Amino acid sequence: MNEKEKPAPENMNNPLEEIVKGNLEEDHLQQERRVEIASKWMEGSGPEADIVISSRVRLARNIRKLPFPPLASDEQREKVFQLAEKFLQNQKEKKPALRMLSISTLSPISRQVLVEKHLISPLLARESRFSALILRDDEVISIMVNEEDHFRIQCLLPGLQLEKAWQEASRYDDFLESQVEYAFHEEKGYLTACPTNVGTGLRASVMLHLPALVITQQINRILAAVNQVGLAVRGLYGEGTEITGNLLQISNQITLGHSEEEIWHNLYGVTRQLINQEKNAREHLLNEGREKLADRAGRAFGILKYARMIDSNEAMQLLSDVRLGVDLGLIKNVPVKVLNELLVLTRPGCLQYLKGRALSAYERDLERAVQIQKYLP
């Protein structure tokens, strides 16, 4: 046998097998990370879940005789951090369990993922001096430590569940108050870093999908009326963000002079009105042009399923059109849970987390299309 005819050694790696193995390992890792990214509020369950994506209640609290975080020294911020650790220790026997993440130990991409999941604010993501996130295992409860205030207790639930979110946040608020002395004024209420939070310190919000009101050009008139009753309208990621994909957040602006129950109840009442108006607009669209709606939703699904590149704004709009088609029964076998998770999975931080490295804008558009096609049935 000459040199050319000698068989390859048995232990020599096959390049094709190595590529396939590497791809399988990457797919498995991405699947694990997709599970990590999913949160309770993305489930698509709860009352009025076809229109109300999620309900959130947040309570701002500060410790008496300590400066607010923006003015506090490192020693004072560390004291708050240690009190948070003590709170966590006292909660360790309770279920679901809590864990504490020090912001300084997280990579920039991991921080951005937490922002995109609505678990921390952009401000906390930028802060590293003794800041932390206390997170319940199901991610329904999250507590930001040393953000604008010493503690911000948040409850985030799927569908229209403002009362339950308030009750759950209040339960952790009561327990935290048993551990520390809050900054409280008999007339002004809870004292906060921002004057707009003084009083109850409560911010309640709902995330709504209102495509029919947008298509029928009623949205501007309705949102103007919402502003007149003391509620704020913002984009998917709150203050300073634009409304995209027909998704918006509505929250209270006033925290002083009303009880906590009055605040969330007022938001609940306005939300019910918006739900009814959106349902009426959807019914009108079906009656006037069912095939047009079906075509719009089907085209959106086709682009999402087969496009090679999709930017963030286009993805949001296409997902909105598909969601409307699913809600109206025009598209079958697409779970709302998948659409909710794609709202987050297609964001820049999550795409980079799934890929395991930083991506350019061009690479993100490519990876966004890949991830959408992995998810859609």
Protein backbone atom coordinates (compact mmCIF):
# COMPACT_ATOMS: atom_id res chain seq x y z
CA MET A 1 0.00 0.00 0.00
CA ASN A 2 1.49 3.33 -0.98
CA GLU A 3 1.42 6.51 1.11
CA LYS A 4 -1.71 7.90 -0.57
CA GLU A 5 -3.75 4.77 0.10
CA LYS A 6 -3.05 4.51 3.83
CA PRO A 7 -6.25 4.81 5.93
CA ALA A 8 -6.58 7.76 8.28
CA PRO A 9 -5.84 7.02 11.93
CA GLU A 10 -8.96 6.07 13.86
CA ASN A 11 -8.49 8.83 16.42
CA MET A 12 -8.24 11.61 13.81
CA ASN A 13 -11.22 14.02 14.07
CA ASN A 14 -13.56 14.29 11.10
CA PRO A 15 -13.91 18.04 10.29
CA LEU A 16 -17.57 17.65 9.28
CA GLU A 17 -18.40 15.80 12.50
CA GLU A 18 -16.67 18.52 14.51
CA ILE A 19 -18.80 21.21 12.80
CA VAL A 20 -22.01 19.27 13.42
CA LYS A 21 -21.05 18.64 17.04
CA GLY A 22 -20.23 22.32 17.53
CA ASN A 23 -23.57 23.38 16.04
CA LEU A 24 -25.45 20.94 18.28
CA GLU A 25 -23.65 22.23 21.36
CA GLU A 26 -24.44 25.83 20.39
CA ASP A 27 -28.11 24.95 19.81
CA HIS A 28 -28.29 23.23 23.20
CA LEU A 29 -26.70 26.21 24.93
CA GLN A 30 -29.07 28.61 23.18
CA GLN A 31 -32.05 26.50 24.22
CA GLU A 32 -30.92 26.68 27.86
CA ARG A 33 -30.50 30.43 27.57
CA ARG A 34 -33.92 30.86 25.97
CA VAL A 35 -35.40 29.09 29.00
CA GLU A 36 -33.48 31.49 31.27
CA ILE A 37 -34.83 34.51 29.40
CA ALA A 38 -38.48 33.42 29.74
CA SER A 39 -40.40 35.00 32.66
CA LYS A 40 -43.78 34.44 34.28
CA TRP A 41 -45.25 37.60 32.73
CA MET A 42 -44.59 36.23 29.22
CA GLU A 43 -46.88 33.22 29.70
CA GLY A 44 -49.87 34.75 27.90
CA SER A 45 -52.15 33.76 30.78
CA GLY A 46 -54.28 35.84 33.12
CA PRO A 47 -57.45 37.89 32.51
CA GLU A 48 -57.71 39.76 29.19
CA ALA A 49 -54.34 38.37 28.08
CA ASP A 50 -55.19 38.93 24.40
CA ILE A 51 -54.92 42.68 24.99
CA VAL A 52 -53.13 43.13 28.35
CA ILE A 53 -49.64 41.63 28.13
CA SER A 54 -48.71 42.29 31.76
CA SER A 55 -49.53 44.17 34.96
CA ARG A 56 -46.91 45.71 37.22
CA VAL A 57 -46.89 47.36 40.64
CA ARG A 58 -43.72 48.99 41.97
CA LEU A 59 -43.17 50.46 45.45
CA ALA A 60 -40.34 52.95 46.11
CA ARG A 61 -38.97 52.80 49.66
CA ASN A 62 -36.03 54.42 51.49
CA ILE A 63 -34.34 53.94 54.85
CA ARG A 64 -34.69 56.63 57.49
CA LYS A 65 -31.59 58.77 58.22
CA LEU A 66 -29.69 57.54 55.15
CA PRO A 67 -29.22 59.78 52.08
CA PHE A 68 -30.93 58.74 48.87
CA PRO A 69 -28.58 56.63 46.68
CA PRO A 70 -27.59 59.45 44.26
CA LEU A 71 -26.25 61.47 47.24
CA ALA A 72 -24.98 58.61 49.40
CA SER A 73 -21.33 57.78 50.00
CA ASP A 74 -19.94 54.35 49.21
CA GLU A 75 -20.08 53.50 52.93
CA GLN A 76 -23.75 54.46 53.12
CA ARG A 77 -24.60 52.54 49.95
CA GLU A 78 -22.77 49.53 51.35
CA LYS A 79 -24.90 49.70 54.49
CA VAL A 80 -28.05 49.48 52.36
CA PHE A 81 -26.50 46.57 50.44
CA GLN A 82 -25.81 44.75 53.72
CA LEU A 83 -29.36 45.36 54.92
CA ALA A 84 -30.59 43.82 51.66
CA GLU A 85 -28.41 40.76 52.31
CA LYS A 86 -29.88 40.50 55.81
CA PHE A 87 -33.40 40.71 54.38
CA LEU A 88 -32.50 37.90 51.99
CA GLN A 89 -31.22 35.72 54.83
CA ASN A 90 -34.43 36.23 56.77
CA GLN A 91 -36.41 35.18 53.68
CA LYS A 92 -34.39 32.07 52.87
CA GLU A 93 -36.93 29.60 54.27
CA LYS A 94 -39.81 31.06 52.26
CA LYS A 95 -40.97 29.68 48.91
CA PRO A 96 -40.54 30.63 46.11
CA ALA A 97 -36.96 31.38 47.06
CA LEU A 98 -35.15 34.68 46.59
CA ARG A 99 -31.61 35.23 45.34
CA MET A 100 -29.46 38.34 45.18
CA LEU A 101 -27.42 39.43 42.16
CA SER A 102 -24.72 42.04 42.66
CA ILE A 103 -24.84 44.35 39.63
CA SER A 104 -21.07 44.84 39.65
CA THR A 105 -20.53 41.11 39.02
CA LEU A 106 -22.76 41.01 35.92
CA SER A 107 -21.50 41.55 32.39
CA PRO A 108 -22.93 44.48 30.38
CA ILE A 109 -24.90 42.03 28.23
CA SER A 110 -26.37 40.27 31.28
CA ARG A 111 -27.43 43.62 32.68
CA GLN A 112 -29.07 44.55 29.39
CA VAL A 113 -30.98 41.26 29.39
CA LEU A 114 -32.43 42.13 32.81
CA VAL A 115 -33.50 45.52 31.45
CA GLU A 116 -35.13 43.92 28.42
CA LYS A 117 -37.00 41.49 30.69
CA HIS A 118 -38.35 44.49 32.67
CA LEU A 119 -36.64 43.31 35.86
CA ILE A 120 -34.29 46.28 36.33
CA SER A 121 -34.13 49.84 35.05
CA PRO A 122 -31.48 51.23 32.68
CA LEU A 123 -30.30 53.37 35.61
CA LEU A 124 -29.55 50.30 37.75
CA ALA A 125 -27.84 48.62 34.78
CA ARG A 126 -25.38 51.54 34.67
CA GLU A 127 -24.83 51.60 38.44
CA SER A 128 -22.23 49.34 40.07
CA ARG A 129 -21.58 50.87 43.49
CA PHE A 130 -23.18 48.39 45.93
CA SER A 131 -26.25 47.96 43.73
CA ALA A 132 -28.13 44.69 43.47
CA LEU A 133 -31.22 42.88 42.30
CA ILE A 134 -33.15 40.59 44.63
CA LEU A 135 -35.08 38.19 42.43
CA ARG A 136 -37.67 35.54 43.21
CA ASP A 137 -37.22 32.23 41.41
CA ASP A 138 -40.32 32.75 39.24
CA GLU A 139 -39.27 36.38 38.58
CA VAL A 140 -42.69 37.66 39.67
CA ILE A 141 -40.99 39.63 42.46
CA SER A 142 -37.87 41.72 41.91
CA ILE A 143 -36.34 44.28 44.26
CA MET A 144 -33.82 46.81 43.00
CA VAL A 145 -31.28 47.85 45.64
CA ASN A 146 -29.56 51.27 45.48
CA GLU A 147 -31.15 52.48 42.28
CA GLU A 148 -32.77 55.93 42.55
CA ASP A 149 -34.24 54.80 45.87
CA HIS A 150 -32.81 52.37 48.41
CA PHE A 151 -35.40 49.73 47.51
CA ARG A 152 -37.83 49.40 44.64
CA ILE A 153 -40.14 46.42 45.10
CA GLN A 154 -41.78 45.21 41.91
CA CYS A 155 -44.41 42.59 41.12
CA LEU A 156 -44.91 41.68 37.45
CA LEU A 157 -47.74 39.35 36.38
CA PRO A 158 -49.30 38.26 33.07
CA GLY A 159 -52.65 39.69 31.96
CA LEU A 160 -54.77 42.20 33.87
CA GLN A 161 -53.90 41.42 37.50
CA LEU A 162 -53.27 44.79 39.14
CA GLU A 163 -54.92 43.87 42.44
CA LYS A 164 -52.93 40.66 42.79
CA ALA A 165 -49.70 42.46 41.82
CA TRP A 166 -50.39 45.11 44.49
CA GLN A 167 -51.13 42.49 47.14
CA GLU A 168 -47.99 40.51 46.33
CA ALA A 169 -45.72 43.59 46.28
CA SER A 170 -47.29 44.77 49.55
CA ARG A 171 -46.51 41.44 51.20
CA TYR A 172 -42.79 41.88 50.55
CA ASP A 173 -43.04 45.56 51.45
CA ASP A 174 -44.49 44.67 54.85
CA PHE A 175 -41.76 42.13 55.52
CA LEU A 176 -39.01 44.55 54.48
CA GLU A 177 -40.51 47.23 56.70
CA SER A 178 -40.30 44.82 59.64
CA GLN A 179 -36.51 44.67 59.03
CA VAL A 180 -35.70 48.37 58.47
CA GLU A 181 -37.14 51.75 59.42
CA TYR A 182 -38.59 53.51 56.39
CA ALA A 183 -38.25 57.22 55.65
CA PHE A 184 -41.85 58.30 56.25
CA HIS A 185 -43.61 61.63 56.93
CA GLU A 186 -47.00 61.72 58.61
CA GLU A 187 -48.40 64.20 56.07
CA LYS A 188 -46.33 63.54 52.94
CA GLY A 189 -46.13 59.76 53.22
CA TYR A 190 -43.12 57.77 51.98
CA LEU A 191 -40.15 59.99 51.11
CA THR A 192 -38.44 59.30 47.80
CA ALA A 193 -35.54 60.61 45.72
CA CYS A 194 -37.89 61.91 43.02
CA PRO A 195 -40.72 64.23 44.23
CA THR A 196 -43.16 62.58 41.79
CA ASN A 197 -42.99 59.38 43.85
CA VAL A 198 -43.57 60.98 47.26
CA GLY A 199 -46.71 59.77 49.02
CA THR A 200 -47.54 56.15 48.39
CA GLY A 201 -44.38 55.59 46.33
CA LEU A 202 -46.56 53.37 44.15
CA ARG A 203 -46.37 53.10 40.37
CA ALA A 204 -48.88 50.80 38.73
CA SER A 205 -48.76 50.07 35.01
CA VAL A 206 -50.19 47.82 32.35
CA MET A 207 -48.64 46.82 29.04
CA LEU A 208 -51.27 46.85 26.30
CA HIS A 209 -51.46 45.65 22.69
CA LEU A 210 -53.86 47.97 20.82
CA PRO A 211 -53.44 47.30 17.08
CA ALA A 212 -57.10 47.76 16.10
CA LEU A 213 -57.25 51.23 17.67
CA VAL A 214 -54.13 52.13 15.69
CA ILE A 215 -55.43 50.71 12.40
CA THR A 216 -58.78 52.51 12.79
CA GLN A 217 -56.92 55.75 13.67
CA GLN A 218 -58.63 56.15 17.04
CA ILE A 219 -55.50 55.82 19.15
CA ASN A 220 -54.40 59.48 19.31
CA ARG A 221 -57.81 60.68 20.49
CA ILE A 222 -58.00 57.95 23.11
CA LEU A 223 -54.47 58.47 24.45
CA ALA A 224 -55.12 62.22 24.74
CA ALA A 225 -58.12 61.39 26.93
CA VAL A 226 -55.96 59.01 29.01
CA ASN A 227 -53.46 61.80 29.68
CA GLN A 228 -56.25 64.07 30.88
CA VAL A 229 -57.20 61.67 33.69
CA GLY A 230 -53.71 61.73 35.21
CA LEU A 231 -52.17 58.69 33.52
CA ALA A 232 -48.93 58.58 31.54
CA VAL A 233 -48.54 56.79 28.19
CA ARG A 234 -45.10 55.42 27.29
CA GLY A 235 -43.44 52.87 25.04
CA LEU A 236 -42.58 49.25 25.79
CA TYR A 237 -39.62 50.17 28.01
CA GLY A 238 -41.19 53.07 29.87
CA GLU A 239 -40.13 56.68 30.08
CA GLY A 240 -38.27 57.99 27.04
CA THR A 241 -39.18 55.08 24.74
CA GLU A 242 -41.36 55.26 21.66
CA ILE A 243 -44.51 53.24 21.03
CA THR A 244 -43.60 50.42 18.62
CA GLY A 245 -45.44 47.29 17.56
CA ASN A 246 -48.73 48.82 18.83
CA LEU A 247 -47.50 48.14 22.38
CA LEU A 248 -47.65 50.77 25.07
CA GLN A 249 -47.53 51.18 28.83
CA ILE A 250 -50.07 53.18 30.83
CA SER A 251 -49.23 54.13 34.41
CA ASN A 252 -50.27 56.54 37.13
CA GLN A 253 -48.56 59.94 37.38
CA ILE A 254 -49.83 60.92 40.84
CA THR A 255 -48.64 59.17 44.00
CA LEU A 256 -49.53 61.85 46.59
CA GLY A 257 -53.04 62.47 47.89
CA HIS A 258 -54.44 59.07 46.93
CA SER A 259 -54.27 55.70 48.66
CA GLU A 260 -52.44 52.77 47.06
CA GLU A 261 -55.75 51.05 46.40
CA GLU A 262 -57.23 54.16 44.75
CA ILE A 263 -54.23 54.43 42.42
CA TRP A 264 -54.31 50.90 41.03
CA HIS A 265 -58.10 50.84 40.98
CA ASN A 266 -58.22 54.01 38.86
CA LEU A 267 -55.75 52.49 36.40
CA TYR A 268 -57.79 49.29 36.33
CA GLY A 269 -60.94 51.22 35.43
CA VAL A 270 -59.28 53.08 32.56
CA THR A 271 -57.70 49.85 31.33
CA ARG A 272 -61.11 48.16 31.21
CA GLN A 273 -62.38 51.00 29.03
CA LEU A 274 -59.41 50.65 26.67
CA ILE A 275 -59.97 46.89 26.47
CA ASN A 276 -63.61 47.43 25.46
CA GLN A 277 -62.68 50.01 22.84
CA GLU A 278 -59.99 47.74 21.38
CA LYS A 279 -62.44 44.82 21.24
CA ASN A 280 -65.02 46.98 19.47
CA ALA A 281 -62.39 48.14 16.97
CA ARG A 282 -61.33 44.53 16.31
CA GLU A 283 -64.94 43.52 15.72
CA HIS A 284 -65.36 46.43 13.31
CA LEU A 285 -62.24 45.42 11.36
CA LEU A 286 -63.46 41.82 11.10
CA ASN A 287 -66.85 42.89 9.85
CA GLU A 288 -65.46 45.37 7.33
CA GLY A 289 -62.57 43.35 5.93
CA ARG A 290 -61.86 39.92 7.39
CA GLU A 291 -59.82 38.82 4.38
CA LYS A 292 -57.69 41.97 4.51
CA LEU A 293 -56.86 41.26 8.15
CA ALA A 294 -56.10 37.63 7.38
CA ASP A 295 -53.84 38.67 4.51
CA ARG A 296 -52.03 41.21 6.69
CA ALA A 297 -51.42 38.65 9.44
CA GLY A 298 -50.43 35.93 6.97
CA ARG A 299 -47.94 38.16 5.17
CA ALA A 300 -46.40 39.14 8.51
CA PHE A 301 -46.07 35.49 9.49
CA GLY A 302 -44.46 34.65 6.15
CA ILE A 303 -41.85 37.39 6.47
CA LEU A 304 -41.03 36.38 10.04
CA LYS A 305 -40.78 32.73 9.04
CA TYR A 306 -38.57 33.14 5.98
CA ALA A 307 -36.73 36.49 6.06
CA ARG A 308 -32.95 36.35 6.37
CA MET A 309 -32.60 39.74 8.11
CA ILE A 310 -35.05 41.63 10.32
CA ASP A 311 -34.40 44.85 12.22
CA SER A 312 -35.91 45.52 15.65
CA ASN A 313 -38.73 47.88 14.63
CA GLU A 314 -39.82 45.67 11.73
CA ALA A 315 -39.87 42.62 14.01
CA MET A 316 -42.07 44.43 16.53
CA GLN A 317 -44.60 45.45 13.87
CA LEU A 318 -44.69 42.02 12.24
CA LEU A 319 -45.13 40.32 15.62
CA SER A 320 -47.99 42.71 16.33
CA ASP A 321 -49.74 41.78 13.07
CA VAL A 322 -49.29 38.06 13.76
CA ARG A 323 -50.55 38.49 17.33
CA LEU A 324 -53.70 40.22 16.07
CA GLY A 325 -54.23 37.36 13.63
CA VAL A 326 -53.80 34.80 16.41
CA ASP A 327 -56.17 36.67 18.77
CA LEU A 328 -58.86 36.84 16.06
CA GLY A 329 -58.49 33.20 15.08
CA LEU A 330 -57.06 34.03 11.65
CA ILE A 331 -53.76 32.25 12.36
CA LYS A 332 -53.72 28.86 14.06
CA ASN A 333 -51.18 26.96 16.15
CA VAL A 334 -49.05 29.93 17.23
CA PRO A 335 -49.05 30.14 21.07
CA VAL A 336 -49.30 33.64 22.53
CA LYS A 337 -46.53 32.62 24.94
CA VAL A 338 -44.16 32.29 21.97
CA LEU A 339 -45.08 35.76 20.70
CA ASN A 340 -44.56 37.26 24.17
CA GLU A 341 -41.16 35.64 24.54
CA LEU A 342 -40.14 36.87 21.09
CA LEU A 343 -40.83 40.44 22.22
CA VAL A 344 -37.85 40.04 24.53
CA LEU A 345 -35.73 37.46 22.70
CA THR A 346 -35.45 39.76 19.68
CA ARG A 347 -34.00 42.65 21.70
CA PRO A 348 -30.27 43.48 21.28
CA GLY A 349 -29.10 42.30 24.69
CA CYS A 350 -30.93 38.97 24.52
CA LEU A 351 -29.69 38.25 21.00
CA GLN A 352 -26.11 38.78 22.13
CA TYR A 353 -26.67 36.68 25.25
CA LEU A 354 -28.06 33.83 23.13
CA LYS A 355 -25.12 34.05 20.74
CA GLY A 356 -22.60 34.31 23.57
CA ARG A 357 -20.79 37.39 22.26
CA ALA A 358 -21.19 41.02 21.24
CA LEU A 359 -22.88 41.51 17.86
CA SER A 360 -22.86 44.42 15.44
CA ALA A 361 -26.20 45.89 14.32
CA TYR A 362 -25.91 43.92 11.06
CA GLU A 363 -25.19 40.67 12.92
CA ARG A 364 -28.13 41.30 15.26
CA ASP A 365 -30.49 41.64 12.30
CA LEU A 366 -29.26 38.30 10.99
CA GLU A 367 -29.49 36.58 14.39
CA ARG A 368 -32.95 38.05 15.04
CA ALA A 369 -34.28 36.31 11.94
CA VAL A 370 -32.62 33.06 12.99
CA GLN A 371 -34.12 33.13 16.50
CA ILE A 372 -37.62 34.02 15.27
CA GLN A 373 -37.58 31.11 12.85
CA LYS A 374 -36.43 28.72 15.59
CA TYR A 375 -39.36 29.80 17.74
CA LEU A 376 -42.24 30.02 15.28
CA PRO A 377 -44.00 26.71 14.55
